[in-house]
Amino acid sequence: MTHDYELIVIGSGPAGRRAAIQAAKLGKSVLVVEGRCRVGGVSVHTGTIPSKTLRETALNLSGWRERGFYGRS
């Protein structure tokens, strides 16, 4: 069985996901090839996105960004 695709995306990280979604919205047939067990790429599951989210949450909850307002800059 053969399939014809107008776009083949290698990797389902942020860029690949965005490309696949845009192409599908434009009516293109898309195939996403991912080498890992989960889609989303390394940055979503083990890399920068979870760590940045955790950092931003900690800064907001601790009031670190607002310290200048209270005279502690």
PDB file of N, CA and C in Angstrom:
ATOM      1  N   MET A   1       0.846  -1.169   0.000  1.00  0.00           N
ATOM      2  CA  MET A   1       0.000   0.000   0.000  1.00  0.00           C
ATOM      3  C   MET A   1       0.901   1.245   0.000  1.00  0.00           C
ATOM      4  N   THR A   2       0.688   2.136  -0.913  1.00  0.00           N
ATOM      5  CA  THR A   2       1.473   3.370  -0.970  1.00  0.00           C
ATOM      6  C   THR A   2       0.602   4.561  -0.633  1.00  0.00           C
ATOM      7  N   HIS A   3       1.234   5.542  -0.032  1.00  0.00           N
ATOM      8  CA  HIS A   3       0.548   6.774   0.322  1.00  0.00           C
ATOM      9  C   HIS A   3       1.330   7.942  -0.258  1.00  0.00           C
ATOM     10  N   ASP A   4       0.620   8.927  -0.700  1.00  0.00           N
ATOM     11  CA  ASP A   4       1.257  10.153  -1.172  1.00  0.00           C
ATOM     12  C   ASP A   4       0.954  11.265  -0.184  1.00  0.00           C
ATOM     13  N   TYR A   5       2.000  11.948   0.261  1.00  0.00           N
ATOM     14  CA  TYR A   5       1.846  13.060   1.190  1.00  0.00           C
ATOM     15  C   TYR A   5       2.431  14.312   0.554  1.00  0.00           C
ATOM     16  N   GLU A   6       1.806  15.426   0.835  1.00  0.00           N
ATOM     17  CA  GLU A   6       2.317  16.694   0.334  1.00  0.00           C
ATOM     18  C   GLU A   6       3.396  17.261   1.253  1.00  0.00           C
ATOM     19  N   LEU A   7       3.381  16.832   2.518  1.00  0.00           N
ATOM     20  CA  LEU A   7       4.395  17.261   3.463  1.00  0.00           C
ATOM     21  C   LEU A   7       4.701  16.124   4.422  1.00  0.00           C
ATOM     22  N   ILE A   8       5.978  15.847   4.604  1.00  0.00           N
ATOM     23  CA  ILE A   8       6.421  14.885   5.608  1.00  0.00           C
ATOM     24  C   ILE A   8       7.260  15.659   6.615  1.00  0.00           C
ATOM     25  N   VAL A   9       6.840  15.619   7.877  1.00  0.00           N
ATOM     26  CA  VAL A   9       7.523  16.345   8.946  1.00  0.00           C
ATOM     27  C   VAL A   9       8.320  15.345   9.769  1.00  0.00           C
ATOM     28  N   ILE A  10       9.607  15.627   9.933  1.00  0.00           N
ATOM     29  CA  ILE A  10      10.475  14.776  10.736  1.00  0.00           C
ATOM     30  C   ILE A  10      10.575  15.396  12.129  1.00  0.00           C
ATOM     31  N   GLY A  11       9.995  14.731  13.114  1.00  0.00           N
ATOM     32  CA  GLY A  11      10.020  15.221  14.491  1.00  0.00           C
ATOM     33  C   GLY A  11       8.776  16.007  14.832  1.00  0.00           C
ATOM     34  N   SER A  12       8.260  15.770  16.023  1.00  0.00           N
ATOM     35  CA  SER A  12       7.017  16.423  16.447  1.00  0.00           C
ATOM     36  C   SER A  12       7.260  17.466  17.535  1.00  0.00           C
ATOM     37  N   GLY A  13       8.448  18.057  17.517  1.00  0.00           N
ATOM     38  CA  GLY A  13       8.732  19.142  18.455  1.00  0.00           C
ATOM     39  C   GLY A  13       7.944  20.381  18.087  1.00  0.00           C
ATOM     40  N   PRO A  14       8.194  21.490  18.751  1.00  0.00           N
ATOM     41  CA  PRO A  14       7.408  22.704  18.508  1.00  0.00           C
ATOM     42  C   PRO A  14       7.371  23.136  17.043  1.00  0.00           C
ATOM     43  N   ALA A  15       8.495  23.108  16.352  1.00  0.00           N
ATOM     44  CA  ALA A  15       8.522  23.536  14.947  1.00  0.00           C
ATOM     45  C   ALA A  15       7.806  22.542  14.047  1.00  0.00           C
ATOM     46  N   GLY A  16       8.061  21.258  14.253  1.00  0.00           N
ATOM     47  CA  GLY A  16       7.403  20.241  13.443  1.00  0.00           C
ATOM     48  C   GLY A  16       5.903  20.221  13.643  1.00  0.00           C
ATOM     49  N   ARG A  17       5.496  20.366  14.889  1.00  0.00           N
ATOM     50  CA  ARG A  17       4.062  20.386  15.190  1.00  0.00           C
ATOM     51  C   ARG A  17       3.389  21.577  14.512  1.00  0.00           C
ATOM     52  N   ARG A  18       4.022  22.720  14.610  1.00  0.00           N
ATOM     53  CA  ARG A  18       3.477  23.933  14.007  1.00  0.00           C
ATOM     54  C   ARG A  18       3.368  23.800  12.485  1.00  0.00           C
ATOM     55  N   ALA A  19       4.405  23.251  11.869  1.00  0.00           N
ATOM     56  CA  ALA A  19       4.403  23.061  10.423  1.00  0.00           C
ATOM     57  C   ALA A  19       3.295  22.104   9.992  1.00  0.00           C
ATOM     58  N   ALA A  20       3.147  21.009  10.719  1.00  0.00           N
ATOM     59  CA  ALA A  20       2.118  20.022  10.380  1.00  0.00           C
ATOM     60  C   ALA A  20       0.717  20.603  10.526  1.00  0.00           C
ATOM     61  N   ILE A  21       0.492  21.345  11.585  1.00  0.00           N
ATOM     62  CA  ILE A  21      -0.832  21.941  11.795  1.00  0.00           C
ATOM     63  C   ILE A  21      -1.150  22.968  10.714  1.00  0.00           C
ATOM     64  N   GLN A  22      -0.185  23.826  10.393  1.00  0.00           N
ATOM     65  CA  GLN A  22      -0.409  24.842   9.356  1.00  0.00           C
ATOM     66  C   GLN A  22      -0.722  24.194   8.015  1.00  0.00           C
ATOM     67  N   ALA A  23       0.049  23.171   7.652  1.00  0.00           N
ATOM     68  CA  ALA A  23      -0.178  22.494   6.379  1.00  0.00           C
ATOM     69  C   ALA A  23      -1.552  21.825   6.352  1.00  0.00           C
ATOM     70  N   ALA A  24      -1.940  21.193   7.454  1.00  0.00           N
ATOM     71  CA  ALA A  24      -3.249  20.544   7.517  1.00  0.00           C
ATOM     72  C   ALA A  24      -4.372  21.568   7.411  1.00  0.00           C
ATOM     73  N   LYS A  25      -4.199  22.726   8.037  1.00  0.00           N
ATOM     74  CA  LYS A  25      -5.211  23.788   7.928  1.00  0.00           C
ATOM     75  C   LYS A  25      -5.362  24.273   6.493  1.00  0.00           C
ATOM     76  N   LEU A  26      -4.275  24.193   5.726  1.00  0.00           N
ATOM     77  CA  LEU A  26      -4.312  24.596   4.320  1.00  0.00           C
ATOM     78  C   LEU A  26      -4.780  23.466   3.404  1.00  0.00           C
ATOM     79  N   GLY A  27      -5.198  22.356   4.014  1.00  0.00           N
ATOM     80  CA  GLY A  27      -5.749  21.252   3.248  1.00  0.00           C
ATOM     81  C   GLY A  27      -4.728  20.285   2.682  1.00  0.00           C
ATOM     82  N   LYS A  28      -3.507  20.345   3.146  1.00  0.00           N
ATOM     83  CA  LYS A  28      -2.449  19.455   2.669  1.00  0.00           C
ATOM     84  C   LYS A  28      -2.486  18.133   3.431  1.00  0.00           C
ATOM     85  N   SER A  29      -2.060  17.075   2.770  1.00  0.00           N
ATOM     86  CA  SER A  29      -1.941  15.786   3.460  1.00  0.00           C
ATOM     87  C   SER A  29      -0.568  15.735   4.107  1.00  0.00           C
ATOM     88  N   VAL A  30      -0.548  15.404   5.402  1.00  0.00           N
ATOM     89  CA  VAL A  30       0.665  15.517   6.205  1.00  0.00           C
ATOM     90  C   VAL A  30       0.959  14.197   6.903  1.00  0.00           C
ATOM     91  N   LEU A  31       2.233  13.846   6.942  1.00  0.00           N
ATOM     92  CA  LEU A  31       2.707  12.709   7.718  1.00  0.00           C
ATOM     93  C   LEU A  31       3.750  13.236   8.690  1.00  0.00           C
ATOM     94  N   VAL A  32       3.588  12.921   9.982  1.00  0.00           N
ATOM     95  CA  VAL A  32       4.570  13.299  10.995  1.00  0.00           C
ATOM     96  C   VAL A  32       5.296  12.032  11.427  1.00  0.00           C
ATOM     97  N   VAL A  33       6.624  12.061  11.337  1.00  0.00           N
ATOM     98  CA  VAL A  33       7.453  10.924  11.727  1.00  0.00           C
ATOM     99  C   VAL A  33       8.151  11.291  13.030  1.00  0.00           C
ATOM    100  N   GLU A  34       7.912  10.503  14.070  1.00  0.00           N
ATOM    101  CA  GLU A  34       8.500  10.762  15.385  1.00  0.00           C
ATOM    102  C   GLU A  34       9.239   9.513  15.836  1.00  0.00           C
ATOM    103  N   GLY A  35      10.470   9.671  16.258  1.00  0.00           N
ATOM    104  CA  GLY A  35      11.284   8.535  16.675  1.00  0.00           C
ATOM    105  C   GLY A  35      11.078   8.107  18.118  1.00  0.00           C
ATOM    106  N   ARG A  36      10.414   8.926  18.899  1.00  0.00           N
ATOM    107  CA  ARG A  36      10.199   8.595  20.316  1.00  0.00           C
ATOM    108  C   ARG A  36       8.800   8.028  20.526  1.00  0.00           C
ATOM    109  N   CYS A  37       8.539   7.582  21.735  1.00  0.00           N
ATOM    110  CA  CYS A  37       7.238   6.986  22.057  1.00  0.00           C
ATOM    111  C   CYS A  37       6.130   8.022  22.168  1.00  0.00           C
ATOM    112  N   ARG A  38       6.510   9.273  22.494  1.00  0.00           N
ATOM    113  CA  ARG A  38       5.506  10.320  22.685  1.00  0.00           C
ATOM    114  C   ARG A  38       5.759  11.462  21.705  1.00  0.00           C
ATOM    115  N   VAL A  39       4.676  12.037  21.220  1.00  0.00           N
ATOM    116  CA  VAL A  39       4.818  13.199  20.349  1.00  0.00           C
ATOM    117  C   VAL A  39       5.080  14.434  21.200  1.00  0.00           C
ATOM    118  N   GLY A  40       5.677  15.435  20.603  1.00  0.00           N
ATOM    119  CA  GLY A  40       5.935  16.671  21.325  1.00  0.00           C
ATOM    120  C   GLY A  40       7.393  17.064  21.355  1.00  0.00           C
ATOM    121  N   GLY A  41       8.278  16.135  21.105  1.00  0.00           N
ATOM    122  CA  GLY A  41       9.696  16.454  21.091  1.00  0.00           C
ATOM    123  C   GLY A  41      10.318  16.469  22.474  1.00  0.00           C
ATOM    124  N   VAL A  42      11.634  16.534  22.489  1.00  0.00           N
ATOM    125  CA  VAL A  42      12.397  16.496  23.733  1.00  0.00           C
ATOM    126  C   VAL A  42      12.098  17.709  24.595  1.00  0.00           C
ATOM    127  N   SER A  43      11.979  18.886  23.979  1.00  0.00           N
ATOM    128  CA  SER A  43      11.805  20.098  24.772  1.00  0.00           C
ATOM    129  C   SER A  43      10.501  20.096  25.564  1.00  0.00           C
ATOM    130  N   VAL A  44       9.501  19.420  25.065  1.00  0.00           N
ATOM    131  CA  VAL A  44       8.212  19.380  25.761  1.00  0.00           C
ATOM    132  C   VAL A  44       8.254  18.447  26.962  1.00  0.00           C
ATOM    133  N   HIS A  45       8.921  17.302  26.830  1.00  0.00           N
ATOM    134  CA  HIS A  45       8.867  16.275  27.869  1.00  0.00           C
ATOM    135  C   HIS A  45      10.034  16.296  28.850  1.00  0.00           C
ATOM    136  N   THR A  46      11.219  16.611  28.387  1.00  0.00           N
ATOM    137  CA  THR A  46      12.369  16.516  29.283  1.00  0.00           C
ATOM    138  C   THR A  46      13.276  17.733  29.240  1.00  0.00           C
ATOM    139  N   GLY A  47      13.033  18.634  28.344  1.00  0.00           N
ATOM    140  CA  GLY A  47      13.968  19.732  28.138  1.00  0.00           C
ATOM    141  C   GLY A  47      13.539  21.054  28.711  1.00  0.00           C
ATOM    142  N   THR A  48      13.546  22.052  27.884  1.00  0.00           N
ATOM    143  CA  THR A  48      13.450  23.430  28.339  1.00  0.00           C
ATOM    144  C   THR A  48      12.058  23.865  28.766  1.00  0.00           C
ATOM    145  N   ILE A  49      11.032  23.379  28.125  1.00  0.00           N
ATOM    146  CA  ILE A  49       9.691  23.886  28.442  1.00  0.00           C
ATOM    147  C   ILE A  49       9.277  23.562  29.873  1.00  0.00           C
ATOM    148  N   PRO A  50       9.393  22.303  30.360  1.00  0.00           N
ATOM    149  CA  PRO A  50       9.021  22.053  31.756  1.00  0.00           C
ATOM    150  C   PRO A  50       9.868  22.846  32.755  1.00  0.00           C
ATOM    151  N   SER A  51      11.173  22.968  32.493  1.00  0.00           N
ATOM    152  CA  SER A  51      12.022  23.680  33.443  1.00  0.00           C
ATOM    153  C   SER A  51      11.699  25.173  33.461  1.00  0.00           C
ATOM    154  N   LYS A  52      11.418  25.757  32.308  1.00  0.00           N
ATOM    155  CA  LYS A  52      11.061  27.177  32.271  1.00  0.00           C
ATOM    156  C   LYS A  52       9.714  27.421  32.936  1.00  0.00           C
ATOM    157  N   THR A  53       8.790  26.515  32.735  1.00  0.00           N
ATOM    158  CA  THR A  53       7.477  26.645  33.373  1.00  0.00           C
ATOM    159  C   THR A  53       7.617  26.581  34.886  1.00  0.00           C
ATOM    160  N   LEU A  54       8.404  25.646  35.376  1.00  0.00           N
ATOM    161  CA  LEU A  54       8.623  25.514  36.811  1.00  0.00           C
ATOM    162  C   LEU A  54       9.315  26.760  37.367  1.00  0.00           C
ATOM    163  N   ARG A  55      10.297  27.277  36.647  1.00  0.00           N
ATOM    164  CA  ARG A  55      11.019  28.474  37.089  1.00  0.00           C
ATOM    165  C   ARG A  55      10.076  29.674  37.164  1.00  0.00           C
ATOM    166  N   GLU A  56       9.288  29.891  36.131  1.00  0.00           N
ATOM    167  CA  GLU A  56       8.360  31.023  36.114  1.00  0.00           C
ATOM    168  C   GLU A  56       7.338  30.918  37.235  1.00  0.00           C
ATOM    169  N   THR A  57       6.850  29.721  37.491  1.00  0.00           N
ATOM    170  CA  THR A  57       5.878  29.513  38.568  1.00  0.00           C
ATOM    171  C   THR A  57       6.504  29.832  39.914  1.00  0.00           C
ATOM    172  N   ALA A  58       7.729  29.365  40.127  1.00  0.00           N
ATOM    173  CA  ALA A  58       8.415  29.637  41.396  1.00  0.00           C
ATOM    174  C   ALA A  58       8.648  31.133  41.583  1.00  0.00           C
ATOM    175  N   LEU A  59       9.050  31.825  40.529  1.00  0.00           N
ATOM    176  CA  LEU A  59       9.277  33.266  40.631  1.00  0.00           C
ATOM    177  C   LEU A  59       7.987  34.011  40.944  1.00  0.00           C
ATOM    178  N   ASN A  60       6.904  33.632  40.309  1.00  0.00           N
ATOM    179  CA  ASN A  60       5.630  34.296  40.562  1.00  0.00           C
ATOM    180  C   ASN A  60       5.114  34.027  41.967  1.00  0.00           C
ATOM    181  N   LEU A  61       5.211  32.783  42.411  1.00  0.00           N
ATOM    182  CA  LEU A  61       4.702  32.445  43.745  1.00  0.00           C
ATOM    183  C   LEU A  61       5.548  33.049  44.853  1.00  0.00           C
ATOM    184  N   SER A  62       6.836  33.194  44.625  1.00  0.00           N
ATOM    185  CA  SER A  62       7.709  33.723  45.667  1.00  0.00           C
ATOM    186  C   SER A  62       7.676  35.252  45.742  1.00  0.00           C
ATOM    187  N   GLY A  63       7.135  35.890  44.717  1.00  0.00           N
ATOM    188  CA  GLY A  63       7.116  37.344  44.705  1.00  0.00           C
ATOM    189  C   GLY A  63       8.451  37.959  44.320  1.00  0.00           C
ATOM    190  N   TRP A  64       9.363  37.165  43.777  1.00  0.00           N
ATOM    191  CA  TRP A  64      10.708  37.627  43.443  1.00  0.00           C
ATOM    192  C   TRP A  64      10.680  38.816  42.491  1.00  0.00           C
ATOM    193  N   ARG A  65       9.779  38.804  41.530  1.00  0.00           N
ATOM    194  CA  ARG A  65       9.715  39.894  40.550  1.00  0.00           C
ATOM    195  C   ARG A  65       9.175  41.186  41.163  1.00  0.00           C
ATOM    196  N   GLU A  66       8.385  41.069  42.192  1.00  0.00           N
ATOM    197  CA  GLU A  66       7.786  42.260  42.810  1.00  0.00           C
ATOM    198  C   GLU A  66       8.601  42.789  43.976  1.00  0.00           C
ATOM    199  N   ARG A  67       9.800  42.240  44.212  1.00  0.00           N
ATOM    200  CA  ARG A  67      10.593  42.619  45.366  1.00  0.00           C
ATOM    201  C   ARG A  67      10.947  44.110  45.351  1.00  0.00           C
ATOM    202  N   GLY A  68      11.125  44.713  44.161  1.00  0.00           N
ATOM    203  CA  GLY A  68      11.438  46.140  44.060  1.00  0.00           C
ATOM    204  C   GLY A  68      10.309  47.018  44.575  1.00  0.00           C
ATOM    205  N   PHE A  69       9.101  46.564  44.423  1.00  0.00           N
ATOM    206  CA  PHE A  69       7.942  47.309  44.900  1.00  0.00           C
ATOM    207  C   PHE A  69       7.980  47.447  46.423  1.00  0.00           C
ATOM    208  N   TYR A  70       8.550  46.459  47.078  1.00  0.00           N
ATOM    209  CA  TYR A  70       8.617  46.473  48.539  1.00  0.00           C
ATOM    210  C   TYR A  70       9.973  46.976  49.059  1.00  0.00           C
ATOM    211  N   GLY A  71      10.788  47.566  48.185  1.00  0.00           N
ATOM    212  CA  GLY A  71      12.058  48.138  48.611  1.00  0.00           C
ATOM    213  C   GLY A  71      13.192  47.149  48.755  1.00  0.00           C
ATOM    214  N   ARG A  72      13.114  46.011  48.062  1.00  0.00           N
ATOM    215  CA  ARG A  72      14.154  44.997  48.179  1.00  0.00           C
ATOM    216  C   ARG A  72      14.809  44.691  46.843  1.00  0.00           C
ATOM    217  N   SER A  73      14.937  45.669  45.976  1.00  0.00           N
ATOM    218  CA  SER A  73      15.523  45.393  44.649  1.00  0.00           C
ATOM    219  C   SER A  73      17.032  45.324  44.710  1.00  0.00           C
TER     220      SER A  73
END
